Amino acid sequence: MPQTLAIKAAPMDNDTPAAANEPLAPRPSMPSAAELYEMIAEAAYYRAQKRGFTPGAEAEDWLHAETEVMQRVRKAYTDKEHTDNGQSEESRAHAGRGTAPA
């Protein structure tokens, strides 16, 4: 059986670091509805725990947890977009209105 050797490919050119020539990591997808539900439920549990599980504020715990989780998910997703295409979310928003960011 012939023996093969694995050889790491050299950079495309000598001025570019090898990491720049490697393929981009796959873009993470948004969490599924079930994953979002679990994240919100966990955050709501910790909010309830923090206030001593006093009854009567469960809906408020859930709504605050939902807001927090969705903000984190949106930020993570838009931060990934920012690094993918080199344009900030603010720049994209202003480009659509024909104005420059302040």
PDB file of N, CA and C in Angstrom:
ATOM      1  N   MET A   1       0.847  -1.169   0.000  1.00  0.00           N
ATOM      2  CA  MET A   1       0.000   0.000   0.000  1.00  0.00           C
ATOM      3  C   MET A   1       0.895   1.235   0.000  1.00  0.00           C
ATOM      4  N   PRO A   2       0.686   2.173  -0.939  1.00  0.00           N
ATOM      5  CA  PRO A   2       1.545   3.335  -1.016  1.00  0.00           C
ATOM      6  C   PRO A   2       1.308   4.270   0.173  1.00  0.00           C
ATOM      7  N   GLN A   3       2.376   4.850   0.641  1.00  0.00           N
ATOM      8  CA  GLN A   3       2.285   5.761   1.773  1.00  0.00           C
ATOM      9  C   GLN A   3       2.183   7.196   1.237  1.00  0.00           C
ATOM     10  N   THR A   4       1.205   7.938   1.773  1.00  0.00           N
ATOM     11  CA  THR A   4       1.054   9.322   1.346  1.00  0.00           C
ATOM     12  C   THR A   4       1.412  10.232   2.512  1.00  0.00           C
ATOM     13  N   LEU A   5       1.964  11.348   2.190  1.00  0.00           N
ATOM     14  CA  LEU A   5       2.329  12.326   3.198  1.00  0.00           C
ATOM     15  C   LEU A   5       1.417  13.539   3.069  1.00  0.00           C
ATOM     16  N   ALA A   6       0.952  13.992   4.202  1.00  0.00           N
ATOM     17  CA  ALA A   6       0.135  15.202   4.193  1.00  0.00           C
ATOM     18  C   ALA A   6       1.071  16.396   4.274  1.00  0.00           C
ATOM     19  N   ILE A   7       0.921  17.307   3.341  1.00  0.00           N
ATOM     20  CA  ILE A   7       1.760  18.497   3.300  1.00  0.00           C
ATOM     21  C   ILE A   7       0.857  19.708   3.401  1.00  0.00           C
ATOM     22  N   LYS A   8       1.192  20.602   4.338  1.00  0.00           N
ATOM     23  CA  LYS A   8       0.413  21.827   4.482  1.00  0.00           C
ATOM     24  C   LYS A   8       0.706  22.724   3.292  1.00  0.00           C
ATOM     25  N   ALA A   9      -0.362  23.257   2.729  1.00  0.00           N
ATOM     26  CA  ALA A   9      -0.217  24.133   1.564  1.00  0.00           C
ATOM     27  C   ALA A   9       0.448  25.435   1.970  1.00  0.00           C
ATOM     28  N   ALA A  10       1.265  25.944   1.103  1.00  0.00           N
ATOM     29  CA  ALA A  10       1.939  27.219   1.333  1.00  0.00           C
ATOM     30  C   ALA A  10       0.951  28.346   1.069  1.00  0.00           C
ATOM     31  N   PRO A  11       1.199  29.522   1.640  1.00  0.00           N
ATOM     32  CA  PRO A  11       0.333  30.670   1.358  1.00  0.00           C
ATOM     33  C   PRO A  11       0.288  30.941  -0.141  1.00  0.00           C
ATOM     34  N   MET A  12      -0.790  31.581  -0.577  1.00  0.00           N
ATOM     35  CA  MET A  12      -0.941  31.894  -1.996  1.00  0.00           C
ATOM     36  C   MET A  12       0.167  32.816  -2.481  1.00  0.00           C
ATOM     37  N   ASP A  13       0.588  33.729  -1.631  1.00  0.00           N
ATOM     38  CA  ASP A  13       1.714  34.586  -1.981  1.00  0.00           C
ATOM     39  C   ASP A  13       2.546  34.792  -0.723  1.00  0.00           C
ATOM     40  N   ASN A  14       3.730  35.266  -0.882  1.00  0.00           N
ATOM     41  CA  ASN A  14       4.643  35.396   0.252  1.00  0.00           C
ATOM     42  C   ASN A  14       4.292  36.547   1.179  1.00  0.00           C
ATOM     43  N   ASP A  15       3.517  37.528   0.706  1.00  0.00           N
ATOM     44  CA  ASP A  15       3.169  38.686   1.529  1.00  0.00           C
ATOM     45  C   ASP A  15       1.940  38.454   2.398  1.00  0.00           C
ATOM     46  N   THR A  16       1.168  37.421   2.115  1.00  0.00           N
ATOM     47  CA  THR A  16      -0.067  37.149   2.839  1.00  0.00           C
ATOM     48  C   THR A  16       0.159  36.022   3.834  1.00  0.00           C
ATOM     49  N   PRO A  17      -0.209  36.233   5.121  1.00  0.00           N
ATOM     50  CA  PRO A  17      -0.064  35.156   6.102  1.00  0.00           C
ATOM     51  C   PRO A  17      -0.931  33.954   5.728  1.00  0.00           C
ATOM     52  N   ALA A  18      -0.519  32.778   6.151  1.00  0.00           N
ATOM     53  CA  ALA A  18      -1.248  31.558   5.812  1.00  0.00           C
ATOM     54  C   ALA A  18      -2.687  31.616   6.292  1.00  0.00           C
ATOM     55  N   ALA A  19      -2.949  32.195   7.480  1.00  0.00           N
ATOM     56  CA  ALA A  19      -4.305  32.251   8.026  1.00  0.00           C
ATOM     57  C   ALA A  19      -5.244  33.022   7.104  1.00  0.00           C
ATOM     58  N   ALA A  20      -4.746  34.032   6.405  1.00  0.00           N
ATOM     59  CA  ALA A  20      -5.585  34.817   5.511  1.00  0.00           C
ATOM     60  C   ALA A  20      -6.014  34.012   4.295  1.00  0.00           C
ATOM     61  N   ASN A  21      -5.275  32.981   3.964  1.00  0.00           N
ATOM     62  CA  ASN A  21      -5.597  32.162   2.800  1.00  0.00           C
ATOM     63  C   ASN A  21      -6.477  30.961   3.132  1.00  0.00           C
ATOM     64  N   GLU A  22      -6.752  30.765   4.421  1.00  0.00           N
ATOM     65  CA  GLU A  22      -7.583  29.628   4.816  1.00  0.00           C
ATOM     66  C   GLU A  22      -9.048  29.975   4.598  1.00  0.00           C
ATOM     67  N   PRO A  23      -9.879  28.973   4.334  1.00  0.00           N
ATOM     68  CA  PRO A  23     -11.297  29.247   4.099  1.00  0.00           C
ATOM     69  C   PRO A  23     -11.954  29.814   5.356  1.00  0.00           C
ATOM     70  N   LEU A  24     -12.998  30.630   5.135  1.00  0.00           N
ATOM     71  CA  LEU A  24     -13.737  31.201   6.254  1.00  0.00           C
ATOM     72  C   LEU A  24     -14.525  30.116   6.981  1.00  0.00           C
ATOM     73  N   ALA A  25     -14.687  30.309   8.285  1.00  0.00           N
ATOM     74  CA  ALA A  25     -15.495  29.376   9.071  1.00  0.00           C
ATOM     75  C   ALA A  25     -16.943  29.503   8.617  1.00  0.00           C
ATOM     76  N   PRO A  26     -17.710  28.414   8.697  1.00  0.00           N
ATOM     77  CA  PRO A  26     -19.103  28.503   8.284  1.00  0.00           C
ATOM     78  C   PRO A  26     -19.859  29.495   9.170  1.00  0.00           C
ATOM     79  N   ARG A  27     -20.743  30.213   8.569  1.00  0.00           N
ATOM     80  CA  ARG A  27     -21.526  31.223   9.291  1.00  0.00           C
ATOM     81  C   ARG A  27     -22.472  30.534  10.264  1.00  0.00           C
ATOM     82  N   PRO A  28     -22.481  30.965  11.537  1.00  0.00           N
ATOM     83  CA  PRO A  28     -23.387  30.331  12.483  1.00  0.00           C
ATOM     84  C   PRO A  28     -24.825  30.696  12.148  1.00  0.00           C
ATOM     85  N   SER A  29     -25.708  29.761  12.346  1.00  0.00           N
ATOM     86  CA  SER A  29     -27.105  30.034  12.059  1.00  0.00           C
ATOM     87  C   SER A  29     -27.789  30.550  13.315  1.00  0.00           C
ATOM     88  N   MET A  30     -28.905  31.189  13.117  1.00  0.00           N
ATOM     89  CA  MET A  30     -29.697  31.662  14.252  1.00  0.00           C
ATOM     90  C   MET A  30     -30.169  30.431  15.026  1.00  0.00           C
ATOM     91  N   PRO A  31     -30.310  30.556  16.350  1.00  0.00           N
ATOM     92  CA  PRO A  31     -30.823  29.415  17.126  1.00  0.00           C
ATOM     93  C   PRO A  31     -32.245  29.071  16.679  1.00  0.00           C
ATOM     94  N   SER A  32     -32.578  27.805  16.810  1.00  0.00           N
ATOM     95  CA  SER A  32     -33.928  27.370  16.462  1.00  0.00           C
ATOM     96  C   SER A  32     -34.906  27.895  17.505  1.00  0.00           C
ATOM     97  N   ALA A  33     -36.194  27.778  17.215  1.00  0.00           N
ATOM     98  CA  ALA A  33     -37.223  28.212  18.166  1.00  0.00           C
ATOM     99  C   ALA A  33     -37.095  27.440  19.480  1.00  0.00           C
ATOM    100  N   ALA A  34     -36.809  26.147  19.387  1.00  0.00           N
ATOM    101  CA  ALA A  34     -36.656  25.333  20.599  1.00  0.00           C
ATOM    102  C   ALA A  34     -35.436  25.785  21.413  1.00  0.00           C
ATOM    103  N   GLU A  35     -34.341  26.115  20.717  1.00  0.00           N
ATOM    104  CA  GLU A  35     -33.141  26.593  21.414  1.00  0.00           C
ATOM    105  C   GLU A  35     -33.395  27.948  22.076  1.00  0.00           C
ATOM    106  N   LEU A  36     -34.105  28.825  21.367  1.00  0.00           N
ATOM    107  CA  LEU A  36     -34.446  30.128  21.946  1.00  0.00           C
ATOM    108  C   LEU A  36     -35.316  29.950  23.185  1.00  0.00           C
ATOM    109  N   TYR A  37     -36.289  29.060  23.099  1.00  0.00           N
ATOM    110  CA  TYR A  37     -37.178  28.793  24.241  1.00  0.00           C
ATOM    111  C   TYR A  37     -36.367  28.340  25.448  1.00  0.00           C
ATOM    112  N   GLU A  38     -35.446  27.422  25.229  1.00  0.00           N
ATOM    113  CA  GLU A  38     -34.613  26.919  26.338  1.00  0.00           C
ATOM    114  C   GLU A  38     -33.748  28.029  26.925  1.00  0.00           C
ATOM    115  N   MET A  39     -33.185  28.878  26.073  1.00  0.00           N
ATOM    116  CA  MET A  39     -32.353  29.986  26.547  1.00  0.00           C
ATOM    117  C   MET A  39     -33.181  30.963  27.389  1.00  0.00           C
ATOM    118  N   ILE A  40     -34.388  31.264  26.916  1.00  0.00           N
ATOM    119  CA  ILE A  40     -35.264  32.187  27.639  1.00  0.00           C
ATOM    120  C   ILE A  40     -35.712  31.572  28.960  1.00  0.00           C
ATOM    121  N   ALA A  41     -36.077  30.297  28.927  1.00  0.00           N
ATOM    122  CA  ALA A  41     -36.512  29.624  30.153  1.00  0.00           C
ATOM    123  C   ALA A  41     -35.406  29.625  31.203  1.00  0.00           C
ATOM    124  N   GLU A  42     -34.189  29.377  30.783  1.00  0.00           N
ATOM    125  CA  GLU A  42     -33.069  29.369  31.719  1.00  0.00           C
ATOM    126  C   GLU A  42     -32.828  30.768  32.294  1.00  0.00           C
ATOM    127  N   ALA A  43     -32.867  31.772  31.431  1.00  0.00           N
ATOM    128  CA  ALA A  43     -32.666  33.146  31.900  1.00  0.00           C
ATOM    129  C   ALA A  43     -33.784  33.556  32.856  1.00  0.00           C
ATOM    130  N   ALA A  44     -35.023  33.168  32.561  1.00  0.00           N
ATOM    131  CA  ALA A  44     -36.155  33.491  33.438  1.00  0.00           C
ATOM    132  C   ALA A  44     -35.999  32.782  34.788  1.00  0.00           C
ATOM    133  N   TYR A  45     -35.528  31.549  34.768  1.00  0.00           N
ATOM    134  CA  TYR A  45     -35.291  30.816  36.011  1.00  0.00           C
ATOM    135  C   TYR A  45     -34.278  31.564  36.878  1.00  0.00           C
ATOM    136  N   TYR A  46     -33.182  32.009  36.285  1.00  0.00           N
ATOM    137  CA  TYR A  46     -32.162  32.718  37.060  1.00  0.00           C
ATOM    138  C   TYR A  46     -32.670  34.056  37.587  1.00  0.00           C
ATOM    139  N   ARG A  47     -33.538  34.718  36.815  1.00  0.00           N
ATOM    140  CA  ARG A  47     -34.143  35.957  37.313  1.00  0.00           C
ATOM    141  C   ARG A  47     -35.019  35.651  38.522  1.00  0.00           C
ATOM    142  N   ALA A  48     -35.826  34.591  38.430  1.00  0.00           N
ATOM    143  CA  ALA A  48     -36.692  34.208  39.551  1.00  0.00           C
ATOM    144  C   ALA A  48     -35.852  33.814  40.767  1.00  0.00           C
ATOM    145  N   GLN A  49     -34.789  33.084  40.529  1.00  0.00           N
ATOM    146  CA  GLN A  49     -33.903  32.661  41.622  1.00  0.00           C
ATOM    147  C   GLN A  49     -33.296  33.890  42.304  1.00  0.00           C
ATOM    148  N   LYS A  50     -32.901  34.869  41.511  1.00  0.00           N
ATOM    149  CA  LYS A  50     -32.283  36.072  42.044  1.00  0.00           C
ATOM    150  C   LYS A  50     -33.231  36.844  42.965  1.00  0.00           C
ATOM    151  N   ARG A  51     -34.536  36.784  42.681  1.00  0.00           N
ATOM    152  CA  ARG A  51     -35.503  37.482  43.516  1.00  0.00           C
ATOM    153  C   ARG A  51     -36.133  36.563  44.559  1.00  0.00           C
ATOM    154  N   GLY A  52     -35.554  35.377  44.756  1.00  0.00           N
ATOM    155  CA  GLY A  52     -36.009  34.457  45.805  1.00  0.00           C
ATOM    156  C   GLY A  52     -37.250  33.653  45.460  1.00  0.00           C
ATOM    157  N   PHE A  53     -37.568  33.506  44.192  1.00  0.00           N
ATOM    158  CA  PHE A  53     -38.735  32.749  43.716  1.00  0.00           C
ATOM    159  C   PHE A  53     -40.046  33.249  44.322  1.00  0.00           C
ATOM    160  N   THR A  54     -40.106  34.533  44.652  1.00  0.00           N
ATOM    161  CA  THR A  54     -41.344  35.100  45.179  1.00  0.00           C
ATOM    162  C   THR A  54     -42.410  35.007  44.099  1.00  0.00           C
ATOM    163  N   PRO A  55     -43.580  34.445  44.430  1.00  0.00           N
ATOM    164  CA  PRO A  55     -44.628  34.277  43.412  1.00  0.00           C
ATOM    165  C   PRO A  55     -45.192  35.619  42.930  1.00  0.00           C
ATOM    166  N   GLY A  56     -45.700  35.588  41.721  1.00  0.00           N
ATOM    167  CA  GLY A  56     -46.401  36.736  41.167  1.00  0.00           C
ATOM    168  C   GLY A  56     -45.639  37.510  40.107  1.00  0.00           C
ATOM    169  N   ALA A  57     -44.379  37.216  39.900  1.00  0.00           N
ATOM    170  CA  ALA A  57     -43.604  37.975  38.915  1.00  0.00           C
ATOM    171  C   ALA A  57     -43.078  37.074  37.797  1.00  0.00           C
ATOM    172  N   GLU A  58     -43.692  35.926  37.606  1.00  0.00           N
ATOM    173  CA  GLU A  58     -43.201  34.969  36.605  1.00  0.00           C
ATOM    174  C   GLU A  58     -43.265  35.523  35.190  1.00  0.00           C
ATOM    175  N   ALA A  59     -44.385  36.195  34.862  1.00  0.00           N
ATOM    176  CA  ALA A  59     -44.529  36.752  33.512  1.00  0.00           C
ATOM    177  C   ALA A  59     -43.478  37.842  33.271  1.00  0.00           C
ATOM    178  N   GLU A  60     -43.236  38.666  34.282  1.00  0.00           N
ATOM    179  CA  GLU A  60     -42.230  39.713  34.162  1.00  0.00           C
ATOM    180  C   GLU A  60     -40.840  39.099  33.982  1.00  0.00           C
ATOM    181  N   ASP A  61     -40.550  38.022  34.751  1.00  0.00           N
ATOM    182  CA  ASP A  61     -39.271  37.319  34.597  1.00  0.00           C
ATOM    183  C   ASP A  61     -39.111  36.840  33.157  1.00  0.00           C
ATOM    184  N   TRP A  62     -40.174  36.248  32.615  1.00  0.00           N
ATOM    185  CA  TRP A  62     -40.120  35.703  31.260  1.00  0.00           C
ATOM    186  C   TRP A  62     -39.895  36.808  30.237  1.00  0.00           C
ATOM    187  N   LEU A  63     -40.654  37.904  30.364  1.00  0.00           N
ATOM    188  CA  LEU A  63     -40.534  38.983  29.387  1.00  0.00           C
ATOM    189  C   LEU A  63     -39.152  39.630  29.422  1.00  0.00           C
ATOM    190  N   HIS A  64     -38.619  39.842  30.621  1.00  0.00           N
ATOM    191  CA  HIS A  64     -37.269  40.400  30.718  1.00  0.00           C
ATOM    192  C   HIS A  64     -36.234  39.432  30.144  1.00  0.00           C
ATOM    193  N   ALA A  65     -36.391  38.152  30.451  1.00  0.00           N
ATOM    194  CA  ALA A  65     -35.460  37.142  29.942  1.00  0.00           C
ATOM    195  C   ALA A  65     -35.534  37.074  28.420  1.00  0.00           C
ATOM    196  N   GLU A  66     -36.736  37.128  27.881  1.00  0.00           N
ATOM    197  CA  GLU A  66     -36.917  37.082  26.428  1.00  0.00           C
ATOM    198  C   GLU A  66     -36.218  38.266  25.763  1.00  0.00           C
ATOM    199  N   THR A  67     -36.378  39.451  26.326  1.00  0.00           N
ATOM    200  CA  THR A  67     -35.733  40.646  25.787  1.00  0.00           C
ATOM    201  C   THR A  67     -34.215  40.504  25.829  1.00  0.00           C
ATOM    202  N   GLU A  68     -33.693  40.061  26.965  1.00  0.00           N
ATOM    203  CA  GLU A  68     -32.241  39.912  27.118  1.00  0.00           C
ATOM    204  C   GLU A  68     -31.670  38.900  26.134  1.00  0.00           C
ATOM    205  N   VAL A  69     -32.324  37.759  26.032  1.00  0.00           N
ATOM    206  CA  VAL A  69     -31.832  36.698  25.145  1.00  0.00           C
ATOM    207  C   VAL A  69     -31.869  37.160  23.694  1.00  0.00           C
ATOM    208  N   MET A  70     -32.968  37.770  23.280  1.00  0.00           N
ATOM    209  CA  MET A  70     -33.072  38.206  21.889  1.00  0.00           C
ATOM    210  C   MET A  70     -32.051  39.294  21.567  1.00  0.00           C
ATOM    211  N   GLN A  71     -31.765  40.181  22.519  1.00  0.00           N
ATOM    212  CA  GLN A  71     -30.737  41.197  22.289  1.00  0.00           C
ATOM    213  C   GLN A  71     -29.368  40.545  22.112  1.00  0.00           C
ATOM    214  N   ARG A  72     -29.062  39.549  22.951  1.00  0.00           N
ATOM    215  CA  ARG A  72     -27.767  38.867  22.830  1.00  0.00           C
ATOM    216  C   ARG A  72     -27.657  38.125  21.509  1.00  0.00           C
ATOM    217  N   VAL A  73     -28.729  37.458  21.108  1.00  0.00           N
ATOM    218  CA  VAL A  73     -28.714  36.696  19.854  1.00  0.00           C
ATOM    219  C   VAL A  73     -28.550  37.643  18.669  1.00  0.00           C
ATOM    220  N   ARG A  74     -29.314  38.722  18.660  1.00  0.00           N
ATOM    221  CA  ARG A  74     -29.203  39.690  17.556  1.00  0.00           C
ATOM    222  C   ARG A  74     -27.806  40.289  17.492  1.00  0.00           C
ATOM    223  N   LYS A  75     -27.263  40.641  18.666  1.00  0.00           N
ATOM    224  CA  LYS A  75     -25.919  41.222  18.701  1.00  0.00           C
ATOM    225  C   LYS A  75     -24.892  40.222  18.180  1.00  0.00           C
ATOM    226  N   ALA A  76     -24.976  38.982  18.622  1.00  0.00           N
ATOM    227  CA  ALA A  76     -24.033  37.963  18.162  1.00  0.00           C
ATOM    228  C   ALA A  76     -24.141  37.769  16.651  1.00  0.00           C
ATOM    229  N   TYR A  77     -25.346  37.762  16.138  1.00  0.00           N
ATOM    230  CA  TYR A  77     -25.551  37.546  14.708  1.00  0.00           C
ATOM    231  C   TYR A  77     -25.077  38.749  13.898  1.00  0.00           C
ATOM    232  N   THR A  78     -25.390  39.979  14.374  1.00  0.00           N
ATOM    233  CA  THR A  78     -24.963  41.156  13.618  1.00  0.00           C
ATOM    234  C   THR A  78     -23.467  41.371  13.759  1.00  0.00           C
ATOM    235  N   ASP A  79     -22.878  41.008  14.912  1.00  0.00           N
ATOM    236  CA  ASP A  79     -21.424  41.099  15.053  1.00  0.00           C
ATOM    237  C   ASP A  79     -20.758  40.164  14.062  1.00  0.00           C
ATOM    238  N   LYS A  80     -21.305  38.985  13.858  1.00  0.00           N
ATOM    239  CA  LYS A  80     -20.757  38.030  12.902  1.00  0.00           C
ATOM    240  C   LYS A  80     -20.872  38.591  11.493  1.00  0.00           C
ATOM    241  N   GLU A  81     -22.022  39.233  11.188  1.00  0.00           N
ATOM    242  CA  GLU A  81     -22.176  39.842   9.864  1.00  0.00           C
ATOM    243  C   GLU A  81     -21.139  40.935   9.662  1.00  0.00           C
ATOM    244  N   HIS A  82     -20.877  41.713  10.711  1.00  0.00           N
ATOM    245  CA  HIS A  82     -19.906  42.800  10.629  1.00  0.00           C
ATOM    246  C   HIS A  82     -18.531  42.258  10.259  1.00  0.00           C
ATOM    247  N   THR A  83     -18.134  41.164  10.870  1.00  0.00           N
ATOM    248  CA  THR A  83     -16.821  40.608  10.566  1.00  0.00           C
ATOM    249  C   THR A  83     -16.814  39.901   9.220  1.00  0.00           C
ATOM    250  N   ASP A  84     -17.970  39.436   8.754  1.00  0.00           N
ATOM    251  CA  ASP A  84     -18.039  38.741   7.469  1.00  0.00           C
ATOM    252  C   ASP A  84     -17.866  39.688   6.287  1.00  0.00           C
ATOM    253  N   ASN A  85     -18.476  40.878   6.356  1.00  0.00           N
ATOM    254  CA  ASN A  85     -18.435  41.721   5.173  1.00  0.00           C
ATOM    255  C   ASN A  85     -17.723  43.050   5.387  1.00  0.00           C
ATOM    256  N   GLY A  86     -17.168  43.277   6.574  1.00  0.00           N
ATOM    257  CA  GLY A  86     -16.378  44.467   6.821  1.00  0.00           C
ATOM    258  C   GLY A  86     -17.169  45.745   6.941  1.00  0.00           C
ATOM    259  N   GLN A  87     -18.469  45.660   7.055  1.00  0.00           N
ATOM    260  CA  GLN A  87     -19.300  46.852   7.156  1.00  0.00           C
ATOM    261  C   GLN A  87     -20.097  46.774   8.446  1.00  0.00           C
ATOM    262  N   SER A  88     -20.076  47.837   9.233  1.00  0.00           N
ATOM    263  CA  SER A  88     -20.777  47.825  10.510  1.00  0.00           C
ATOM    264  C   SER A  88     -22.280  47.932  10.294  1.00  0.00           C
ATOM    265  N   GLU A  89     -23.033  47.529  11.325  1.00  0.00           N
ATOM    266  CA  GLU A  89     -24.490  47.623  11.268  1.00  0.00           C
ATOM    267  C   GLU A  89     -24.908  49.082  11.102  1.00  0.00           C
ATOM    268  N   GLU A  90     -24.215  49.997  11.794  1.00  0.00           N
ATOM    269  CA  GLU A  90     -24.523  51.425  11.700  1.00  0.00           C
ATOM    270  C   GLU A  90     -24.309  51.920  10.274  1.00  0.00           C
ATOM    271  N   SER A  91     -23.223  51.495   9.649  1.00  0.00           N
ATOM    272  CA  SER A  91     -22.941  51.914   8.276  1.00  0.00           C
ATOM    273  C   SER A  91     -24.012  51.406   7.322  1.00  0.00           C
ATOM    274  N   ARG A  92     -24.479  50.161   7.525  1.00  0.00           N
ATOM    275  CA  ARG A  92     -25.526  49.608   6.666  1.00  0.00           C
ATOM    276  C   ARG A  92     -26.813  50.387   6.838  1.00  0.00           C
ATOM    277  N   ALA A  93     -27.150  50.778   8.082  1.00  0.00           N
ATOM    278  CA  ALA A  93     -28.377  51.521   8.338  1.00  0.00           C
ATOM    279  C   ALA A  93     -28.322  52.886   7.658  1.00  0.00           C
ATOM    280  N   HIS A  94     -27.188  53.566   7.756  1.00  0.00           N
ATOM    281  CA  HIS A  94     -27.044  54.874   7.139  1.00  0.00           C
ATOM    282  C   HIS A  94     -26.999  54.774   5.627  1.00  0.00           C
ATOM    283  N   ALA A  95     -26.428  53.726   5.102  1.00  0.00           N
ATOM    284  CA  ALA A  95     -26.355  53.556   3.647  1.00  0.00           C
ATOM    285  C   ALA A  95     -27.752  53.473   3.062  1.00  0.00           C
ATOM    286  N   GLY A  96     -28.669  52.815   3.764  1.00  0.00           N
ATOM    287  CA  GLY A  96     -30.044  52.697   3.294  1.00  0.00           C
ATOM    288  C   GLY A  96     -30.780  54.023   3.290  1.00  0.00           C
ATOM    289  N   ARG A  97     -30.337  54.969   4.153  1.00  0.00           N
ATOM    290  CA  ARG A  97     -30.986  56.280   4.230  1.00  0.00           C
ATOM    291  C   ARG A  97     -30.236  57.344   3.448  1.00  0.00           C
ATOM    292  N   GLY A  98     -29.064  56.999   2.936  1.00  0.00           N
ATOM    293  CA  GLY A  98     -28.271  57.966   2.195  1.00  0.00           C
ATOM    294  C   GLY A  98     -27.557  58.977   3.082  1.00  0.00           C
ATOM    295  N   THR A  99     -27.326  58.609   4.346  1.00  0.00           N
ATOM    296  CA  THR A  99     -26.626  59.496   5.270  1.00  0.00           C
ATOM    297  C   THR A  99     -25.375  58.818   5.779  1.00  0.00           C
ATOM    298  N   ALA A 100     -24.469  59.604   6.294  1.00  0.00           N
ATOM    299  CA  ALA A 100     -23.224  59.059   6.846  1.00  0.00           C
ATOM    300  C   ALA A 100     -23.380  58.913   8.355  1.00  0.00           C
ATOM    301  N   PRO A 101     -22.713  57.911   8.946  1.00  0.00           N
ATOM    302  CA  PRO A 101     -22.769  57.777  10.401  1.00  0.00           C
ATOM    303  C   PRO A 101     -22.100  58.971  11.073  1.00  0.00           C
ATOM    304  N   ALA A 102     -22.600  59.318  12.261  1.00  0.00           N
ATOM    305  CA  ALA A 102     -22.040  60.472  12.995  1.00  0.00           C
ATOM    306  C   ALA A 102     -20.740  60.108  13.656  1.00  0.00           C
TER     307      ALA A 102
END
